[in-house]
mmCIF file of all heavy atoms, coordinates in Angstrom:
data_MODEL
# 
_entry.id   MODEL 
# 
loop_
_atom_site.group_PDB 
_atom_site.id 
_atom_site.type_symbol 
_atom_site.label_atom_id 
_atom_site.label_alt_id 
_atom_site.label_comp_id 
_atom_site.label_asym_id 
_atom_site.label_entity_id 
_atom_site.label_seq_id 
_atom_site.pdbx_PDB_ins_code 
_atom_site.Cartn_x 
_atom_site.Cartn_y 
_atom_site.Cartn_z 
_atom_site.occupancy 
_atom_site.B_iso_or_equiv 
_atom_site.pdbx_formal_charge 
_atom_site.auth_seq_id 
_atom_site.auth_comp_id 
_atom_site.auth_asym_id 
_atom_site.auth_atom_id 
_atom_site.pdbx_PDB_model_num 
ATOM 1   N N   . GLY A 1 1  ? 26.655 42.703 28.115 1.00 0.00 ? 1  GLY A N   1 
ATOM 2   C CA  . GLY A 1 1  ? 26.731 41.318 28.561 1.00 0.00 ? 1  GLY A CA  1 
ATOM 3   C C   . GLY A 1 1  ? 27.257 41.224 29.973 1.00 0.00 ? 1  GLY A C   1 
ATOM 4   O O   . GLY A 1 1  ? 27.652 42.228 30.589 1.00 0.00 ? 1  GLY A O   1 
ATOM 5   N N   . THR A 1 2  ? 27.250 40.013 30.499 1.00 0.00 ? 2  THR A N   1 
ATOM 6   C CA  . THR A 1 2  ? 27.803 39.758 31.825 1.00 0.00 ? 2  THR A CA  1 
ATOM 7   C C   . THR A 1 2  ? 29.224 39.220 31.736 1.00 0.00 ? 2  THR A C   1 
ATOM 8   O O   . THR A 1 2  ? 29.971 39.290 32.701 1.00 0.00 ? 2  THR A O   1 
ATOM 9   C CB  . THR A 1 2  ? 26.926 38.752 32.589 1.00 0.00 ? 2  THR A CB  1 
ATOM 10  O OG1 . THR A 1 2  ? 26.835 37.534 31.831 1.00 0.00 ? 2  THR A OG1 1 
ATOM 11  C CG2 . THR A 1 2  ? 25.521 39.310 32.788 1.00 0.00 ? 2  THR A CG2 1 
ATOM 12  N N   . SER A 1 3  ? 29.587 38.684 30.575 1.00 0.00 ? 3  SER A N   1 
ATOM 13  C CA  . SER A 1 3  ? 30.934 38.188 30.325 1.00 0.00 ? 3  SER A CA  1 
ATOM 14  C C   . SER A 1 3  ? 31.035 37.886 28.832 1.00 0.00 ? 3  SER A C   1 
ATOM 15  O O   . SER A 1 3  ? 30.041 37.959 28.101 1.00 0.00 ? 3  SER A O   1 
ATOM 16  C CB  . SER A 1 3  ? 31.234 36.920 31.133 1.00 0.00 ? 3  SER A CB  1 
ATOM 17  O OG  . SER A 1 3  ? 30.461 35.830 30.636 1.00 0.00 ? 3  SER A OG  1 
ATOM 18  N N   . SER A 1 4  ? 32.220 37.492 28.384 1.00 0.00 ? 4  SER A N   1 
ATOM 19  C CA  . SER A 1 4  ? 32.385 37.098 26.979 1.00 0.00 ? 4  SER A CA  1 
ATOM 20  C C   . SER A 1 4  ? 31.670 35.792 26.668 1.00 0.00 ? 4  SER A C   1 
ATOM 21  O O   . SER A 1 4  ? 31.527 35.421 25.504 1.00 0.00 ? 4  SER A O   1 
ATOM 22  C CB  . SER A 1 4  ? 33.869 36.962 26.635 1.00 0.00 ? 4  SER A CB  1 
ATOM 23  O OG  . SER A 1 4  ? 34.462 38.230 26.530 1.00 0.00 ? 4  SER A OG  1 
ATOM 24  N N   . GLN A 1 5  ? 31.203 35.114 27.719 1.00 0.00 ? 5  GLN A N   1 
ATOM 25  C CA  . GLN A 1 5  ? 30.408 33.903 27.518 1.00 0.00 ? 5  GLN A CA  1 
ATOM 26  C C   . GLN A 1 5  ? 28.912 34.205 27.538 1.00 0.00 ? 5  GLN A C   1 
ATOM 27  O O   . GLN A 1 5  ? 28.094 33.301 27.444 1.00 0.00 ? 5  GLN A O   1 
ATOM 28  C CB  . GLN A 1 5  ? 30.739 32.876 28.608 1.00 0.00 ? 5  GLN A CB  1 
ATOM 29  C CG  . GLN A 1 5  ? 32.098 32.218 28.460 1.00 0.00 ? 5  GLN A CG  1 
ATOM 30  C CD  . GLN A 1 5  ? 33.241 33.163 28.788 1.00 0.00 ? 5  GLN A CD  1 
ATOM 31  O OE1 . GLN A 1 5  ? 33.202 33.853 29.805 1.00 0.00 ? 5  GLN A OE1 1 
ATOM 32  N NE2 . GLN A 1 5  ? 34.244 33.215 27.927 1.00 0.00 ? 5  GLN A NE2 1 
ATOM 33  N N   . ASN A 1 6  ? 28.576 35.476 27.657 1.00 0.00 ? 6  ASN A N   1 
ATOM 34  C CA  . ASN A 1 6  ? 27.164 35.874 27.655 1.00 0.00 ? 6  ASN A CA  1 
ATOM 35  C C   . ASN A 1 6  ? 27.066 37.319 27.169 1.00 0.00 ? 6  ASN A C   1 
ATOM 36  O O   . ASN A 1 6  ? 26.797 38.237 27.937 1.00 0.00 ? 6  ASN A O   1 
ATOM 37  C CB  . ASN A 1 6  ? 26.570 35.739 29.064 1.00 0.00 ? 6  ASN A CB  1 
ATOM 38  C CG  . ASN A 1 6  ? 25.071 36.016 29.089 1.00 0.00 ? 6  ASN A CG  1 
ATOM 39  O OD1 . ASN A 1 6  ? 24.360 35.742 28.119 1.00 0.00 ? 6  ASN A OD1 1 
ATOM 40  N ND2 . ASN A 1 6  ? 24.592 36.563 30.177 1.00 0.00 ? 6  ASN A ND2 1 
ATOM 41  N N   . LEU A 1 7  ? 27.285 37.502 25.869 1.00 0.00 ? 7  LEU A N   1 
ATOM 42  C CA  . LEU A 1 7  ? 27.358 38.819 25.254 1.00 0.00 ? 7  LEU A CA  1 
ATOM 43  C C   . LEU A 1 7  ? 26.245 38.985 24.227 1.00 0.00 ? 7  LEU A C   1 
ATOM 44  O O   . LEU A 1 7  ? 26.014 38.098 23.399 1.00 0.00 ? 7  LEU A O   1 
ATOM 45  C CB  . LEU A 1 7  ? 28.716 39.007 24.568 1.00 0.00 ? 7  LEU A CB  1 
ATOM 46  C CG  . LEU A 1 7  ? 28.921 40.308 23.802 1.00 0.00 ? 7  LEU A CG  1 
ATOM 47  C CD1 . LEU A 1 7  ? 28.949 41.503 24.751 1.00 0.00 ? 7  LEU A CD1 1 
ATOM 48  C CD2 . LEU A 1 7  ? 30.221 40.241 22.982 1.00 0.00 ? 7  LEU A CD2 1 
ATOM 49  N N   . TYR A 1 8  ? 25.550 40.143 24.292 1.00 0.00 ? 8  TYR A N   1 
ATOM 50  C CA  . TYR A 1 8  ? 24.491 40.463 23.338 1.00 0.00 ? 8  TYR A CA  1 
ATOM 51  C C   . TYR A 1 8  ? 24.923 41.631 22.460 1.00 0.00 ? 8  TYR A C   1 
ATOM 52  O O   . TYR A 1 8  ? 25.462 42.633 22.949 1.00 0.00 ? 8  TYR A O   1 
ATOM 53  C CB  . TYR A 1 8  ? 23.196 40.824 24.059 1.00 0.00 ? 8  TYR A CB  1 
ATOM 54  C CG  . TYR A 1 8  ? 22.507 39.650 24.703 1.00 0.00 ? 8  TYR A CG  1 
ATOM 55  C CD1 . TYR A 1 8  ? 22.893 39.213 25.968 1.00 0.00 ? 8  TYR A CD1 1 
ATOM 56  C CD2 . TYR A 1 8  ? 21.485 38.962 24.046 1.00 0.00 ? 8  TYR A CD2 1 
ATOM 57  C CE1 . TYR A 1 8  ? 22.273 38.130 26.578 1.00 0.00 ? 8  TYR A CE1 1 
ATOM 58  C CE2 . TYR A 1 8  ? 20.867 37.875 24.638 1.00 0.00 ? 8  TYR A CE2 1 
ATOM 59  C CZ  . TYR A 1 8  ? 21.258 37.466 25.896 1.00 0.00 ? 8  TYR A CZ  1 
ATOM 60  O OH  . TYR A 1 8  ? 20.642 36.384 26.481 1.00 0.00 ? 8  TYR A OH  1 
ATOM 61  N N   . CYS A 1 9  ? 24.678 41.477 21.156 1.00 0.00 ? 9  CYS A N   1 
ATOM 62  C CA  . CYS A 1 9  ? 24.965 42.530 20.184 1.00 0.00 ? 9  CYS A CA  1 
ATOM 63  C C   . CYS A 1 9  ? 23.664 42.857 19.452 1.00 0.00 ? 9  CYS A C   1 
ATOM 64  O O   . CYS A 1 9  ? 22.985 41.947 18.959 1.00 0.00 ? 9  CYS A O   1 
ATOM 65  C CB  . CYS A 1 9  ? 26.006 42.074 19.166 1.00 0.00 ? 9  CYS A CB  1 
ATOM 66  S SG  . CYS A 1 9  ? 27.541 41.461 19.908 1.00 0.00 ? 9  CYS A SG  1 
ATOM 67  N N   . VAL A 1 10 ? 23.311 44.130 19.368 1.00 0.00 ? 10 VAL A N   1 
ATOM 68  C CA  . VAL A 1 10 ? 22.056 44.529 18.728 1.00 0.00 ? 10 VAL A CA  1 
ATOM 69  C C   . VAL A 1 10 ? 22.334 45.626 17.715 1.00 0.00 ? 10 VAL A C   1 
ATOM 70  O O   . VAL A 1 10 ? 23.363 46.304 17.763 1.00 0.00 ? 10 VAL A O   1 
ATOM 71  C CB  . VAL A 1 10 ? 21.030 45.025 19.768 1.00 0.00 ? 10 VAL A CB  1 
ATOM 72  C CG1 . VAL A 1 10 ? 20.781 43.972 20.835 1.00 0.00 ? 10 VAL A CG1 1 
ATOM 73  C CG2 . VAL A 1 10 ? 21.487 46.343 20.407 1.00 0.00 ? 10 VAL A CG2 1 
ATOM 74  N N   . GLY A 1 11 ? 21.370 45.803 16.778 1.00 0.00 ? 11 GLY A N   1 
ATOM 75  C CA  . GLY A 1 11 ? 21.598 46.844 15.784 1.00 0.00 ? 11 GLY A CA  1 
ATOM 76  C C   . GLY A 1 11 ? 20.478 47.018 14.792 1.00 0.00 ? 11 GLY A C   1 
ATOM 77  O O   . GLY A 1 11 ? 19.298 46.921 15.120 1.00 0.00 ? 11 GLY A O   1 
ATOM 78  N N   . LEU A 1 12 ? 20.863 47.247 13.534 1.00 0.00 ? 12 LEU A N   1 
ATOM 79  C CA  . LEU A 1 12 ? 19.925 47.629 12.496 1.00 0.00 ? 12 LEU A CA  1 
ATOM 80  C C   . LEU A 1 12 ? 18.978 46.497 12.134 1.00 0.00 ? 12 LEU A C   1 
ATOM 81  O O   . LEU A 1 12 ? 19.313 45.316 12.246 1.00 0.00 ? 12 LEU A O   1 
ATOM 82  C CB  . LEU A 1 12 ? 20.687 48.104 11.254 1.00 0.00 ? 12 LEU A CB  1 
ATOM 83  C CG  . LEU A 1 12 ? 21.728 49.210 11.465 1.00 0.00 ? 12 LEU A CG  1 
ATOM 84  C CD1 . LEU A 1 12 ? 22.345 49.619 10.138 1.00 0.00 ? 12 LEU A CD1 1 
ATOM 85  C CD2 . LEU A 1 12 ? 21.123 50.409 12.181 1.00 0.00 ? 12 LEU A CD2 1 
ATOM 86  N N   . ASN A 1 13 ? 17.773 46.893 11.706 1.00 0.00 ? 13 ASN A N   1 
ATOM 87  C CA  . ASN A 1 13 ? 16.782 45.947 11.191 1.00 0.00 ? 13 ASN A CA  1 
ATOM 88  C C   . ASN A 1 13 ? 16.420 44.837 12.180 1.00 0.00 ? 13 ASN A C   1 
ATOM 89  O O   . ASN A 1 13 ? 16.169 43.691 11.797 1.00 0.00 ? 13 ASN A O   1 
ATOM 90  C CB  . ASN A 1 13 ? 17.269 45.330 9.873  1.00 0.00 ? 13 ASN A CB  1 
ATOM 91  C CG  . ASN A 1 13 ? 17.570 46.381 8.837  1.00 0.00 ? 13 ASN A CG  1 
ATOM 92  O OD1 . ASN A 1 13 ? 16.766 47.297 8.608  1.00 0.00 ? 13 ASN A OD1 1 
ATOM 93  N ND2 . ASN A 1 13 ? 18.737 46.298 8.206  1.00 0.00 ? 13 ASN A ND2 1 
ATOM 94  N N   . GLY A 1 14 ? 16.409 45.182 13.461 1.00 0.00 ? 14 GLY A N   1 
ATOM 95  C CA  . GLY A 1 14 ? 16.000 44.214 14.479 1.00 0.00 ? 14 GLY A CA  1 
ATOM 96  C C   . GLY A 1 14 ? 17.016 43.143 14.790 1.00 0.00 ? 14 GLY A C   1 
ATOM 97  O O   . GLY A 1 14 ? 16.665 42.106 15.371 1.00 0.00 ? 14 GLY A O   1 
ATOM 98  N N   . ALA A 1 15 ? 18.285 43.365 14.449 1.00 0.00 ? 15 ALA A N   1 
ATOM 99  C CA  . ALA A 1 15 ? 19.302 42.337 14.640 1.00 0.00 ? 15 ALA A CA  1 
ATOM 100 C C   . ALA A 1 15 ? 19.678 42.168 16.103 1.00 0.00 ? 15 ALA A C   1 
ATOM 101 O O   . ALA A 1 15 ? 19.930 43.141 16.814 1.00 0.00 ? 15 ALA A O   1 
ATOM 102 C CB  . ALA A 1 15 ? 20.550 42.684 13.834 1.00 0.00 ? 15 ALA A CB  1 
ATOM 103 N N   . ILE A 1 16 ? 19.710 40.903 16.555 1.00 0.00 ? 16 ILE A N   1 
ATOM 104 C CA  . ILE A 1 16 ? 20.218 40.551 17.886 1.00 0.00 ? 16 ILE A CA  1 
ATOM 105 C C   . ILE A 1 16 ? 21.065 39.290 17.736 1.00 0.00 ? 16 ILE A C   1 
ATOM 106 O O   . ILE A 1 16 ? 20.607 38.279 17.197 1.00 0.00 ? 16 ILE A O   1 
ATOM 107 C CB  . ILE A 1 16 ? 19.090 40.275 18.899 1.00 0.00 ? 16 ILE A CB  1 
ATOM 108 C CG1 . ILE A 1 16 ? 18.146 41.474 19.028 1.00 0.00 ? 16 ILE A CG1 1 
ATOM 109 C CG2 . ILE A 1 16 ? 19.681 39.929 20.256 1.00 0.00 ? 16 ILE A CG2 1 
ATOM 110 C CD1 . ILE A 1 16 ? 16.962 41.206 19.950 1.00 0.00 ? 16 ILE A CD1 1 
ATOM 111 N N   . TYR A 1 17 ? 22.315 39.344 18.228 1.00 0.00 ? 17 TYR A N   1 
ATOM 112 C CA  . TYR A 1 17 ? 23.188 38.180 18.257 1.00 0.00 ? 17 TYR A CA  1 
ATOM 113 C C   . TYR A 1 17 ? 23.593 37.906 19.703 1.00 0.00 ? 17 TYR A C   1 
ATOM 114 O O   . TYR A 1 17 ? 23.836 38.835 20.466 1.00 0.00 ? 17 TYR A O   1 
ATOM 115 C CB  . TYR A 1 17 ? 24.455 38.406 17.425 1.00 0.00 ? 17 TYR A CB  1 
ATOM 116 C CG  . TYR A 1 17 ? 24.208 38.693 15.963 1.00 0.00 ? 17 TYR A CG  1 
ATOM 117 C CD1 . TYR A 1 17 ? 24.449 39.955 15.437 1.00 0.00 ? 17 TYR A CD1 1 
ATOM 118 C CD2 . TYR A 1 17 ? 23.735 37.696 15.112 1.00 0.00 ? 17 TYR A CD2 1 
ATOM 119 C CE1 . TYR A 1 17 ? 24.232 40.226 14.096 1.00 0.00 ? 17 TYR A CE1 1 
ATOM 120 C CE2 . TYR A 1 17 ? 23.522 37.959 13.766 1.00 0.00 ? 17 TYR A CE2 1 
ATOM 121 C CZ  . TYR A 1 17 ? 23.765 39.220 13.260 1.00 0.00 ? 17 TYR A CZ  1 
ATOM 122 O OH  . TYR A 1 17 ? 23.542 39.480 11.933 1.00 0.00 ? 17 TYR A OH  1 
ATOM 123 N N   . HIS A 1 18 ? 23.689 36.632 20.033 1.00 0.00 ? 18 HIS A N   1 
ATOM 124 C CA  . HIS A 1 18 ? 24.152 36.243 21.367 1.00 0.00 ? 18 HIS A CA  1 
ATOM 125 C C   . HIS A 1 18 ? 25.397 35.382 21.232 1.00 0.00 ? 18 HIS A C   1 
ATOM 126 O O   . HIS A 1 18 ? 25.445 34.441 20.430 1.00 0.00 ? 18 HIS A O   1 
ATOM 127 C CB  . HIS A 1 18 ? 23.081 35.450 22.124 1.00 0.00 ? 18 HIS A CB  1 
ATOM 128 C CG  . HIS A 1 18 ? 23.545 34.971 23.467 1.00 0.00 ? 18 HIS A CG  1 
ATOM 129 N ND1 . HIS A 1 18 ? 23.847 33.644 23.734 1.00 0.00 ? 18 HIS A ND1 1 
ATOM 130 C CD2 . HIS A 1 18 ? 23.782 35.652 24.622 1.00 0.00 ? 18 HIS A CD2 1 
ATOM 131 C CE1 . HIS A 1 18 ? 24.236 33.533 24.990 1.00 0.00 ? 18 HIS A CE1 1 
ATOM 132 N NE2 . HIS A 1 18 ? 24.203 34.720 25.552 1.00 0.00 ? 18 HIS A NE2 1 
ATOM 133 N N   . HIS A 1 19 ? 26.431 35.730 22.013 1.00 0.00 ? 19 HIS A N   1 
ATOM 134 C CA  . HIS A 1 19 ? 27.685 34.980 22.004 1.00 0.00 ? 19 HIS A CA  1 
ATOM 135 C C   . HIS A 1 19 ? 27.822 34.219 23.317 1.00 0.00 ? 19 HIS A C   1 
ATOM 136 O O   . HIS A 1 19 ? 27.764 34.807 24.402 1.00 0.00 ? 19 HIS A O   1 
ATOM 137 C CB  . HIS A 1 19 ? 28.867 35.945 21.840 1.00 0.00 ? 19 HIS A CB  1 
ATOM 138 C CG  . HIS A 1 19 ? 30.193 35.264 21.729 1.00 0.00 ? 19 HIS A CG  1 
ATOM 139 N ND1 . HIS A 1 19 ? 30.442 34.248 20.827 1.00 0.00 ? 19 HIS A ND1 1 
ATOM 140 C CD2 . HIS A 1 19 ? 31.361 35.464 22.396 1.00 0.00 ? 19 HIS A CD2 1 
ATOM 141 C CE1 . HIS A 1 19 ? 31.691 33.855 20.930 1.00 0.00 ? 19 HIS A CE1 1 
ATOM 142 N NE2 . HIS A 1 19 ? 32.270 34.570 21.888 1.00 0.00 ? 19 HIS A NE2 1 
ATOM 143 N N   . SER A 1 20 ? 27.987 32.901 23.229 1.00 0.00 ? 20 SER A N   1 
ATOM 144 C CA  . SER A 1 20 ? 28.069 32.053 24.418 1.00 0.00 ? 20 SER A CA  1 
ATOM 145 C C   . SER A 1 20 ? 29.504 31.779 24.847 1.00 0.00 ? 20 SER A C   1 
ATOM 146 O O   . SER A 1 20 ? 29.728 31.067 25.820 1.00 0.00 ? 20 SER A O   1 
ATOM 147 C CB  . SER A 1 20 ? 27.380 30.713 24.146 1.00 0.00 ? 20 SER A CB  1 
ATOM 148 O OG  . SER A 1 20 ? 28.087 29.995 23.149 1.00 0.00 ? 20 SER A OG  1 
ATOM 149 N N   . GLY A 1 21 ? 30.448 32.336 24.120 1.00 0.00 ? 21 GLY A N   1 
ATOM 150 C CA  . GLY A 1 21 ? 31.851 32.074 24.397 1.00 0.00 ? 21 GLY A CA  1 
ATOM 151 C C   . GLY A 1 21 ? 32.486 31.200 23.347 1.00 0.00 ? 21 GLY A C   1 
ATOM 152 O O   . GLY A 1 21 ? 33.671 31.340 23.038 1.00 0.00 ? 21 GLY A O   1 
ATOM 153 N N   . THR A 1 22 ? 31.682 30.285 22.790 1.00 0.00 ? 22 THR A N   1 
ATOM 154 C CA  . THR A 1 22 ? 32.198 29.396 21.731 1.00 0.00 ? 22 THR A CA  1 
ATOM 155 C C   . THR A 1 22 ? 31.376 29.505 20.449 1.00 0.00 ? 22 THR A C   1 
ATOM 156 O O   . THR A 1 22 ? 31.896 29.285 19.367 1.00 0.00 ? 22 THR A O   1 
ATOM 157 C CB  . THR A 1 22 ? 32.204 27.931 22.199 1.00 0.00 ? 22 THR A CB  1 
ATOM 158 O OG1 . THR A 1 22 ? 30.880 27.570 22.629 1.00 0.00 ? 22 THR A OG1 1 
ATOM 159 C CG2 . THR A 1 22 ? 33.170 27.750 23.355 1.00 0.00 ? 22 THR A CG2 1 
ATOM 160 N N   . THR A 1 23 ? 30.087 29.815 20.580 1.00 0.00 ? 23 THR A N   1 
ATOM 161 C CA  . THR A 1 23 ? 29.227 29.888 19.401 1.00 0.00 ? 23 THR A CA  1 
ATOM 162 C C   . THR A 1 23 ? 28.402 31.168 19.407 1.00 0.00 ? 23 THR A C   1 
ATOM 163 O O   . THR A 1 23 ? 28.191 31.800 20.448 1.00 0.00 ? 23 THR A O   1 
ATOM 164 C CB  . THR A 1 23 ? 28.262 28.686 19.334 1.00 0.00 ? 23 THR A CB  1 
ATOM 165 O OG1 . THR A 1 23 ? 27.427 28.704 20.507 1.00 0.00 ? 23 THR A OG1 1 
ATOM 166 C CG2 . THR A 1 23 ? 29.023 27.380 19.267 1.00 0.00 ? 23 THR A CG2 1 
ATOM 167 N N   . TRP A 1 24 ? 27.924 31.515 18.217 1.00 0.00 ? 24 TRP A N   1 
ATOM 168 C CA  . TRP A 1 24 ? 27.014 32.644 18.055 1.00 0.00 ? 24 TRP A CA  1 
ATOM 169 C C   . TRP A 1 24 ? 25.618 32.125 17.749 1.00 0.00 ? 24 TRP A C   1 
ATOM 170 O O   . TRP A 1 24 ? 25.455 31.109 17.083 1.00 0.00 ? 24 TRP A O   1 
ATOM 171 C CB  . TRP A 1 24 ? 27.467 33.543 16.899 1.00 0.00 ? 24 TRP A CB  1 
ATOM 172 C CG  . TRP A 1 24 ? 28.685 34.357 17.207 1.00 0.00 ? 24 TRP A CG  1 
ATOM 173 C CD1 . TRP A 1 24 ? 29.985 34.029 16.952 1.00 0.00 ? 24 TRP A CD1 1 
ATOM 174 C CD2 . TRP A 1 24 ? 28.709 35.645 17.822 1.00 0.00 ? 24 TRP A CD2 1 
ATOM 175 N NE1 . TRP A 1 24 ? 30.826 35.016 17.362 1.00 0.00 ? 24 TRP A NE1 1 
ATOM 176 C CE2 . TRP A 1 24 ? 30.072 36.033 17.904 1.00 0.00 ? 24 TRP A CE2 1 
ATOM 177 C CE3 . TRP A 1 24 ? 27.734 36.504 18.311 1.00 0.00 ? 24 TRP A CE3 1 
ATOM 178 C CZ2 . TRP A 1 24 ? 30.471 37.249 18.455 1.00 0.00 ? 24 TRP A CZ2 1 
ATOM 179 C CZ3 . TRP A 1 24 ? 28.127 37.716 18.855 1.00 0.00 ? 24 TRP A CZ3 1 
ATOM 180 C CH2 . TRP A 1 24 ? 29.471 38.078 18.929 1.00 0.00 ? 24 TRP A CH2 1 
# 
């Protein structure tokens, strides 16, 4: 990510989560 307000998490079974700082 570029910051905790723009964080990407990826993993098993095609999972992608994005964190905006307040919400997922």
